Amino acid sequence: MTTALMWEARAADGRGPELLAWVRAQPLAPAPARRDTYTAAADRVLVVTHWDDAAAPVELPDPPAELLHRPVHRWRFRQVES
């Protein structure tokens, strides 16, 4: 089984590139099995990390408040058998 962590933030007006750079610079230790970063309208940044059951998932921290339009949203999902 796999656990997927989703982390989504909306940047303060005009701060989207800075938020994206901040996210990309954040190390996760231990590293996830997979880490995907996305952007969307309204300067949103989404990070999805995938963790094997043997690993303890590590959350991305909150960015500096001045980069944010609103608080970070986080969700945790568990893979189900098909």
PDB file of N, CA and C in Angstrom:
ATOM      1  N   MET A   1       0.829  -1.192   0.000  1.00  0.00           N
ATOM      2  CA  MET A   1       0.000   0.000   0.000  1.00  0.00           C
ATOM      3  C   MET A   1       0.872   1.253   0.000  1.00  0.00           C
ATOM      4  N   THR A   2       0.262   2.314  -0.460  1.00  0.00           N
ATOM      5  CA  THR A   2       0.939   3.601  -0.553  1.00  0.00           C
ATOM      6  C   THR A   2       0.081   4.674   0.108  1.00  0.00           C
ATOM      7  N   THR A   3       0.741   5.613   0.757  1.00  0.00           N
ATOM      8  CA  THR A   3       0.074   6.799   1.264  1.00  0.00           C
ATOM      9  C   THR A   3       0.485   7.966   0.381  1.00  0.00           C
ATOM     10  N   ALA A   4      -0.499   8.753  -0.052  1.00  0.00           N
ATOM     11  CA  ALA A   4      -0.225   9.957  -0.837  1.00  0.00           C
ATOM     12  C   ALA A   4      -0.580  11.168   0.010  1.00  0.00           C
ATOM     13  N   LEU A   5       0.335  12.104   0.088  1.00  0.00           N
ATOM     14  CA  LEU A   5       0.086  13.364   0.786  1.00  0.00           C
ATOM     15  C   LEU A   5      -0.066  14.451  -0.265  1.00  0.00           C
ATOM     16  N   MET A   6      -1.139  15.226  -0.134  1.00  0.00           N
ATOM     17  CA  MET A   6      -1.358  16.361  -1.025  1.00  0.00           C
ATOM     18  C   MET A   6      -1.223  17.631  -0.208  1.00  0.00           C
ATOM     19  N   TRP A   7      -0.467  18.568  -0.738  1.00  0.00           N
ATOM     20  CA  TRP A   7      -0.195  19.861  -0.096  1.00  0.00           C
ATOM     21  C   TRP A   7      -0.522  20.916  -1.133  1.00  0.00           C
ATOM     22  N   GLU A   8      -1.427  21.845  -0.809  1.00  0.00           N
ATOM     23  CA  GLU A   8      -1.834  22.858  -1.781  1.00  0.00           C
ATOM     24  C   GLU A   8      -1.861  24.222  -1.122  1.00  0.00           C
ATOM     25  N   ALA A   9      -1.286  25.207  -1.820  1.00  0.00           N
ATOM     26  CA  ALA A   9      -1.257  26.569  -1.298  1.00  0.00           C
ATOM     27  C   ALA A   9      -1.567  27.544  -2.425  1.00  0.00           C
ATOM     28  N   ARG A  10      -2.206  28.647  -2.059  1.00  0.00           N
ATOM     29  CA  ARG A  10      -2.440  29.731  -3.002  1.00  0.00           C
ATOM     30  C   ARG A  10      -1.560  30.899  -2.587  1.00  0.00           C
ATOM     31  N   ALA A  11      -0.804  31.388  -3.550  1.00  0.00           N
ATOM     32  CA  ALA A  11       0.142  32.472  -3.269  1.00  0.00           C
ATOM     33  C   ALA A  11      -0.571  33.805  -3.108  1.00  0.00           C
ATOM     34  N   ALA A  12       0.031  34.669  -2.342  1.00  0.00           N
ATOM     35  CA  ALA A  12      -0.421  36.057  -2.271  1.00  0.00           C
ATOM     36  C   ALA A  12      -0.283  36.670  -3.662  1.00  0.00           C
ATOM     37  N   ASP A  13      -1.056  37.714  -3.930  1.00  0.00           N
ATOM     38  CA  ASP A  13      -1.054  38.342  -5.254  1.00  0.00           C
ATOM     39  C   ASP A  13       0.363  38.630  -5.739  1.00  0.00           C
ATOM     40  N   GLY A  14       0.677  38.117  -6.934  1.00  0.00           N
ATOM     41  CA  GLY A  14       1.973  38.349  -7.556  1.00  0.00           C
ATOM     42  C   GLY A  14       3.126  37.547  -6.994  1.00  0.00           C
ATOM     43  N   ARG A  15       2.856  36.650  -6.041  1.00  0.00           N
ATOM     44  CA  ARG A  15       3.944  35.909  -5.372  1.00  0.00           C
ATOM     45  C   ARG A  15       4.031  34.449  -5.817  1.00  0.00           C
ATOM     46  N   GLY A  16       3.285  34.077  -6.876  1.00  0.00           N
ATOM     47  CA  GLY A  16       3.286  32.689  -7.344  1.00  0.00           C
ATOM     48  C   GLY A  16       4.667  32.122  -7.645  1.00  0.00           C
ATOM     49  N   PRO A  17       5.493  32.828  -8.425  1.00  0.00           N
ATOM     50  CA  PRO A  17       6.836  32.297  -8.704  1.00  0.00           C
ATOM     51  C   PRO A  17       7.684  32.107  -7.443  1.00  0.00           C
ATOM     52  N   GLU A  18       7.537  33.006  -6.485  1.00  0.00           N
ATOM     53  CA  GLU A  18       8.287  32.871  -5.227  1.00  0.00           C
ATOM     54  C   GLU A  18       7.815  31.656  -4.430  1.00  0.00           C
ATOM     55  N   LEU A  19       6.481  31.456  -4.389  1.00  0.00           N
ATOM     56  CA  LEU A  19       5.957  30.291  -3.676  1.00  0.00           C
ATOM     57  C   LEU A  19       6.437  29.005  -4.328  1.00  0.00           C
ATOM     58  N   LEU A  20       6.396  28.943  -5.657  1.00  0.00           N
ATOM     59  CA  LEU A  20       6.875  27.758  -6.361  1.00  0.00           C
ATOM     60  C   LEU A  20       8.353  27.504  -6.063  1.00  0.00           C
ATOM     61  N   ALA A  21       9.167  28.547  -6.100  1.00  0.00           N
ATOM     62  CA  ALA A  21      10.596  28.390  -5.794  1.00  0.00           C
ATOM     63  C   ALA A  21      10.800  27.910  -4.362  1.00  0.00           C
ATOM     64  N   TRP A  22      10.012  28.441  -3.431  1.00  0.00           N
ATOM     65  CA  TRP A  22      10.124  28.027  -2.033  1.00  0.00           C
ATOM     66  C   TRP A  22       9.793  26.545  -1.895  1.00  0.00           C
ATOM     67  N   VAL A  23       8.702  26.119  -2.539  1.00  0.00           N
ATOM     68  CA  VAL A  23       8.290  24.703  -2.468  1.00  0.00           C
ATOM     69  C   VAL A  23       9.381  23.802  -3.028  1.00  0.00           C
ATOM     70  N   ARG A  24       9.898  24.155  -4.172  1.00  0.00           N
ATOM     71  CA  ARG A  24      10.927  23.322  -4.817  1.00  0.00           C
ATOM     72  C   ARG A  24      12.184  23.211  -3.971  1.00  0.00           C
ATOM     73  N   ALA A  25      12.470  24.206  -3.157  1.00  0.00           N
ATOM     74  CA  ALA A  25      13.684  24.199  -2.337  1.00  0.00           C
ATOM     75  C   ALA A  25      13.531  23.402  -1.038  1.00  0.00           C
ATOM     76  N   GLN A  26      12.315  22.937  -0.725  1.00  0.00           N
ATOM     77  CA  GLN A  26      12.091  22.245   0.543  1.00  0.00           C
ATOM     78  C   GLN A  26      12.509  20.782   0.441  1.00  0.00           C
ATOM     79  N   PRO A  27      13.513  20.375   1.211  1.00  0.00           N
ATOM     80  CA  PRO A  27      13.895  18.963   1.205  1.00  0.00           C
ATOM     81  C   PRO A  27      12.936  18.156   2.081  1.00  0.00           C
ATOM     82  N   LEU A  28      12.773  16.920   1.745  1.00  0.00           N
ATOM     83  CA  LEU A  28      12.026  15.981   2.588  1.00  0.00           C
ATOM     84  C   LEU A  28      12.966  14.844   2.938  1.00  0.00           C
ATOM     85  N   ALA A  29      13.147  14.602   4.215  1.00  0.00           N
ATOM     86  CA  ALA A  29      14.043  13.529   4.658  1.00  0.00           C
ATOM     87  C   ALA A  29      13.303  12.667   5.674  1.00  0.00           C
ATOM     88  N   PRO A  30      13.149  11.400   5.361  1.00  0.00           N
ATOM     89  CA  PRO A  30      13.630  10.741   4.158  1.00  0.00           C
ATOM     90  C   PRO A  30      12.836  11.183   2.928  1.00  0.00           C
ATOM     91  N   ALA A  31      13.394  10.901   1.769  1.00  0.00           N
ATOM     92  CA  ALA A  31      12.727  11.281   0.527  1.00  0.00           C
ATOM     93  C   ALA A  31      11.550  10.354   0.244  1.00  0.00           C
ATOM     94  N   PRO A  32      10.474  10.886  -0.335  1.00  0.00           N
ATOM     95  CA  PRO A  32       9.343  10.043  -0.705  1.00  0.00           C
ATOM     96  C   PRO A  32       9.697   9.167  -1.905  1.00  0.00           C
ATOM     97  N   ALA A  33       8.887   8.151  -2.150  1.00  0.00           N
ATOM     98  CA  ALA A  33       9.077   7.311  -3.327  1.00  0.00           C
ATOM     99  C   ALA A  33       8.876   8.132  -4.599  1.00  0.00           C
ATOM    100  N   ARG A  34       8.002   9.144  -4.511  1.00  0.00           N
ATOM    101  CA  ARG A  34       7.707  10.008  -5.655  1.00  0.00           C
ATOM    102  C   ARG A  34       7.250  11.367  -5.129  1.00  0.00           C
ATOM    103  N   ARG A  35       7.618  12.417  -5.858  1.00  0.00           N
ATOM    104  CA  ARG A  35       7.199  13.780  -5.502  1.00  0.00           C
ATOM    105  C   ARG A  35       6.886  14.522  -6.797  1.00  0.00           C
ATOM    106  N   ASP A  36       5.644  14.996  -6.923  1.00  0.00           N
ATOM    107  CA  ASP A  36       5.202  15.722  -8.109  1.00  0.00           C
ATOM    108  C   ASP A  36       4.747  17.115  -7.687  1.00  0.00           C
ATOM    109  N   THR A  37       5.128  18.120  -8.474  1.00  0.00           N
ATOM    110  CA  THR A  37       4.753  19.504  -8.190  1.00  0.00           C
ATOM    111  C   THR A  37       3.980  20.044  -9.385  1.00  0.00           C
ATOM    112  N   TYR A  38       2.868  20.734  -9.101  1.00  0.00           N
ATOM    113  CA  TYR A  38       1.992  21.275 -10.130  1.00  0.00           C
ATOM    114  C   TYR A  38       1.693  22.737  -9.809  1.00  0.00           C
ATOM    115  N   THR A  39       1.320  23.490 -10.849  1.00  0.00           N
ATOM    116  CA  THR A  39       0.803  24.833 -10.667  1.00  0.00           C
ATOM    117  C   THR A  39      -0.564  24.912 -11.339  1.00  0.00           C
ATOM    118  N   ALA A  40      -1.367  25.892 -10.911  1.00  0.00           N
ATOM    119  CA  ALA A  40      -2.707  26.085 -11.463  1.00  0.00           C
ATOM    120  C   ALA A  40      -3.044  27.569 -11.434  1.00  0.00           C
ATOM    121  N   ALA A  41      -4.218  27.878 -11.970  1.00  0.00           N
ATOM    122  CA  ALA A  41      -4.697  29.257 -11.982  1.00  0.00           C
ATOM    123  C   ALA A  41      -4.696  29.835 -10.566  1.00  0.00           C
ATOM    124  N   ALA A  42      -4.697  31.148 -10.500  1.00  0.00           N
ATOM    125  CA  ALA A  42      -4.709  31.888  -9.226  1.00  0.00           C
ATOM    126  C   ALA A  42      -3.470  31.603  -8.390  1.00  0.00           C
ATOM    127  N   ASP A  43      -2.337  31.352  -9.065  1.00  0.00           N
ATOM    128  CA  ASP A  43      -1.051  31.142  -8.376  1.00  0.00           C
ATOM    129  C   ASP A  43      -1.117  30.054  -7.319  1.00  0.00           C
ATOM    130  N   ARG A  44      -1.758  28.946  -7.654  1.00  0.00           N
ATOM    131  CA  ARG A  44      -1.815  27.799  -6.750  1.00  0.00           C
ATOM    132  C   ARG A  44      -0.645  26.862  -7.033  1.00  0.00           C
ATOM    133  N   VAL A  45      -0.123  26.259  -5.979  1.00  0.00           N
ATOM    134  CA  VAL A  45       0.942  25.259  -6.084  1.00  0.00           C
ATOM    135  C   VAL A  45       0.461  24.022  -5.357  1.00  0.00           C
ATOM    136  N   LEU A  46       0.601  22.873  -6.020  1.00  0.00           N
ATOM    137  CA  LEU A  46       0.180  21.583  -5.462  1.00  0.00           C
ATOM    138  C   LEU A  46       1.376  20.645  -5.474  1.00  0.00           C
ATOM    139  N   VAL A  47       1.598  19.973  -4.360  1.00  0.00           N
ATOM    140  CA  VAL A  47       2.642  18.953  -4.268  1.00  0.00           C
ATOM    141  C   VAL A  47       1.982  17.658  -3.811  1.00  0.00           C
ATOM    142  N   VAL A  48       2.250  16.578  -4.543  1.00  0.00           N
ATOM    143  CA  VAL A  48       1.760  15.253  -4.173  1.00  0.00           C
ATOM    144  C   VAL A  48       2.984  14.385  -3.940  1.00  0.00           C
ATOM    145  N   THR A  49       3.089  13.837  -2.739  1.00  0.00           N
ATOM    146  CA  THR A  49       4.179  12.910  -2.431  1.00  0.00           C
ATOM    147  C   THR A  49       3.584  11.532  -2.184  1.00  0.00           C
ATOM    148  N   HIS A  50       4.321  10.512  -2.592  1.00  0.00           N
ATOM    149  CA  HIS A  50       3.888   9.117  -2.426  1.00  0.00           C
ATOM    150  C   HIS A  50       4.884   8.413  -1.506  1.00  0.00           C
ATOM    151  N   TRP A  51       4.344   7.713  -0.523  1.00  0.00           N
ATOM    152  CA  TRP A  51       5.156   7.062   0.495  1.00  0.00           C
ATOM    153  C   TRP A  51       4.799   5.585   0.586  1.00  0.00           C
ATOM    154  N   ASP A  52       5.818   4.736   0.570  1.00  0.00           N
ATOM    155  CA  ASP A  52       5.607   3.307   0.811  1.00  0.00           C
ATOM    156  C   ASP A  52       5.238   3.120   2.269  1.00  0.00           C
ATOM    157  N   ASP A  53       4.512   2.055   2.559  1.00  0.00           N
ATOM    158  CA  ASP A  53       4.071   1.813   3.931  1.00  0.00           C
ATOM    159  C   ASP A  53       5.220   1.738   4.928  1.00  0.00           C
ATOM    160  N   ALA A  54       6.385   1.327   4.478  1.00  0.00           N
ATOM    161  CA  ALA A  54       7.521   1.207   5.392  1.00  0.00           C
ATOM    162  C   ALA A  54       8.048   2.573   5.825  1.00  0.00           C
ATOM    163  N   ALA A  55       7.757   3.608   5.034  1.00  0.00           N
ATOM    164  CA  ALA A  55       8.263   4.956   5.338  1.00  0.00           C
ATOM    165  C   ALA A  55       7.227   5.748   6.119  1.00  0.00           C
ATOM    166  N   ALA A  56       7.699   6.574   7.019  1.00  0.00           N
ATOM    167  CA  ALA A  56       6.816   7.484   7.735  1.00  0.00           C
ATOM    168  C   ALA A  56       6.684   8.755   6.897  1.00  0.00           C
ATOM    169  N   PRO A  57       5.485   9.076   6.393  1.00  0.00           N
ATOM    170  CA  PRO A  57       5.324  10.262   5.544  1.00  0.00           C
ATOM    171  C   PRO A  57       5.758  11.545   6.251  1.00  0.00           C
ATOM    172  N   VAL A  58       6.414  12.395   5.497  1.00  0.00           N
ATOM    173  CA  VAL A  58       6.895  13.676   6.002  1.00  0.00           C
ATOM    174  C   VAL A  58       6.114  14.787   5.294  1.00  0.00           C
ATOM    175  N   GLU A  59       5.509  15.670   6.059  1.00  0.00           N
ATOM    176  CA  GLU A  59       4.730  16.775   5.505  1.00  0.00           C
ATOM    177  C   GLU A  59       5.648  17.939   5.121  1.00  0.00           C
ATOM    178  N   LEU A  60       5.284  18.629   4.049  1.00  0.00           N
ATOM    179  CA  LEU A  60       5.947  19.895   3.751  1.00  0.00           C
ATOM    180  C   LEU A  60       5.537  20.909   4.820  1.00  0.00           C
ATOM    181  N   PRO A  61       6.430  21.791   5.208  1.00  0.00           N
ATOM    182  CA  PRO A  61       6.066  22.804   6.205  1.00  0.00           C
ATOM    183  C   PRO A  61       5.221  23.909   5.580  1.00  0.00           C
ATOM    184  N   ASP A  62       4.754  24.809   6.408  1.00  0.00           N
ATOM    185  CA  ASP A  62       4.066  26.003   5.917  1.00  0.00           C
ATOM    186  C   ASP A  62       5.107  26.980   5.388  1.00  0.00           C
ATOM    187  N   PRO A  63       4.820  27.620   4.266  1.00  0.00           N
ATOM    188  CA  PRO A  63       5.728  28.652   3.772  1.00  0.00           C
ATOM    189  C   PRO A  63       5.616  29.922   4.617  1.00  0.00           C
ATOM    190  N   PRO A  64       6.512  30.875   4.420  1.00  0.00           N
ATOM    191  CA  PRO A  64       6.384  32.151   5.125  1.00  0.00           C
ATOM    192  C   PRO A  64       5.013  32.775   4.835  1.00  0.00           C
ATOM    193  N   ALA A  65       4.409  33.334   5.839  1.00  0.00           N
ATOM    194  CA  ALA A  65       3.051  33.872   5.732  1.00  0.00           C
ATOM    195  C   ALA A  65       2.911  34.915   4.630  1.00  0.00           C
ATOM    196  N   GLU A  66       3.953  35.686   4.372  1.00  0.00           N
ATOM    197  CA  GLU A  66       3.841  36.732   3.351  1.00  0.00           C
ATOM    198  C   GLU A  66       3.705  36.176   1.929  1.00  0.00           C
ATOM    199  N   LEU A  67       4.011  34.898   1.734  1.00  0.00           N
ATOM    200  CA  LEU A  67       3.851  34.276   0.417  1.00  0.00           C
ATOM    201  C   LEU A  67       2.431  33.761   0.182  1.00  0.00           C
ATOM    202  N   LEU A  68       1.612  33.706   1.234  1.00  0.00           N
ATOM    203  CA  LEU A  68       0.321  33.038   1.147  1.00  0.00           C
ATOM    204  C   LEU A  68      -0.872  33.979   1.054  1.00  0.00           C
ATOM    205  N   HIS A  69      -1.850  33.566   0.251  1.00  0.00           N
ATOM    206  CA  HIS A  69      -3.151  34.233   0.180  1.00  0.00           C
ATOM    207  C   HIS A  69      -4.081  33.704   1.271  1.00  0.00           C
ATOM    208  N   ARG A  70      -3.904  32.416   1.611  1.00  0.00           N
ATOM    209  CA  ARG A  70      -4.714  31.744   2.634  1.00  0.00           C
ATOM    210  C   ARG A  70      -3.885  30.592   3.195  1.00  0.00           C
ATOM    211  N   PRO A  71      -4.334  29.978   4.286  1.00  0.00           N
ATOM    212  CA  PRO A  71      -3.564  28.863   4.855  1.00  0.00           C
ATOM    213  C   PRO A  71      -3.432  27.688   3.875  1.00  0.00           C
ATOM    214  N   VAL A  72      -2.393  26.917   4.065  1.00  0.00           N
ATOM    215  CA  VAL A  72      -2.127  25.713   3.272  1.00  0.00           C
ATOM    216  C   VAL A  72      -3.218  24.688   3.538  1.00  0.00           C
ATOM    217  N   HIS A  73      -3.598  23.958   2.495  1.00  0.00           N
ATOM    218  CA  HIS A  73      -4.519  22.821   2.635  1.00  0.00           C
ATOM    219  C   HIS A  73      -3.717  21.543   2.502  1.00  0.00           C
ATOM    220  N   ARG A  74      -4.049  20.566   3.340  1.00  0.00           N
ATOM    221  CA  ARG A  74      -3.351  19.266   3.317  1.00  0.00           C
ATOM    222  C   ARG A  74      -4.368  18.145   3.353  1.00  0.00           C
ATOM    223  N   TRP A  75      -4.092  17.104   2.582  1.00  0.00           N
ATOM    224  CA  TRP A  75      -4.920  15.898   2.604  1.00  0.00           C
ATOM    225  C   TRP A  75      -4.003  14.692   2.583  1.00  0.00           C
ATOM    226  N   ARG A  76      -4.464  13.618   3.201  1.00  0.00           N
ATOM    227  CA  ARG A  76      -3.717  12.352   3.239  1.00  0.00           C
ATOM    228  C   ARG A  76      -4.639  11.267   2.689  1.00  0.00           C
ATOM    229  N   PHE A  77      -4.131  10.493   1.748  1.00  0.00           N
ATOM    230  CA  PHE A  77      -4.902   9.431   1.090  1.00  0.00           C
ATOM    231  C   PHE A  77      -4.170   8.113   1.208  1.00  0.00           C
ATOM    232  N   ARG A  78      -4.940   7.034   1.305  1.00  0.00           N
ATOM    233  CA  ARG A  78      -4.373   5.676   1.305  1.00  0.00           C
ATOM    234  C   ARG A  78      -4.835   4.983   0.042  1.00  0.00           C
ATOM    235  N   GLN A  79      -3.914   4.315  -0.618  1.00  0.00           N
ATOM    236  CA  GLN A  79      -4.234   3.565  -1.832  1.00  0.00           C
ATOM    237  C   GLN A  79      -5.115   2.375  -1.462  1.00  0.00           C
ATOM    238  N   VAL A  80      -6.095   2.082  -2.306  1.00  0.00           N
ATOM    239  CA  VAL A  80      -6.959   0.928  -2.084  1.00  0.00           C
ATOM    240  C   VAL A  80      -6.731  -0.092  -3.188  1.00  0.00           C
ATOM    241  N   GLU A  81      -7.026  -1.333  -2.861  1.00  0.00           N
ATOM    242  CA  GLU A  81      -6.896  -2.400  -3.847  1.00  0.00           C
ATOM    243  C   GLU A  81      -7.929  -2.205  -4.951  1.00  0.00           C
ATOM    244  N   SER A  82      -7.550  -2.494  -6.186  1.00  0.00           N
ATOM    245  CA  SER A  82      -8.520  -2.359  -7.275  1.00  0.00           C
ATOM    246  C   SER A  82      -9.256  -3.659  -7.526  1.00  0.00           C
TER     247      SER A  82
END
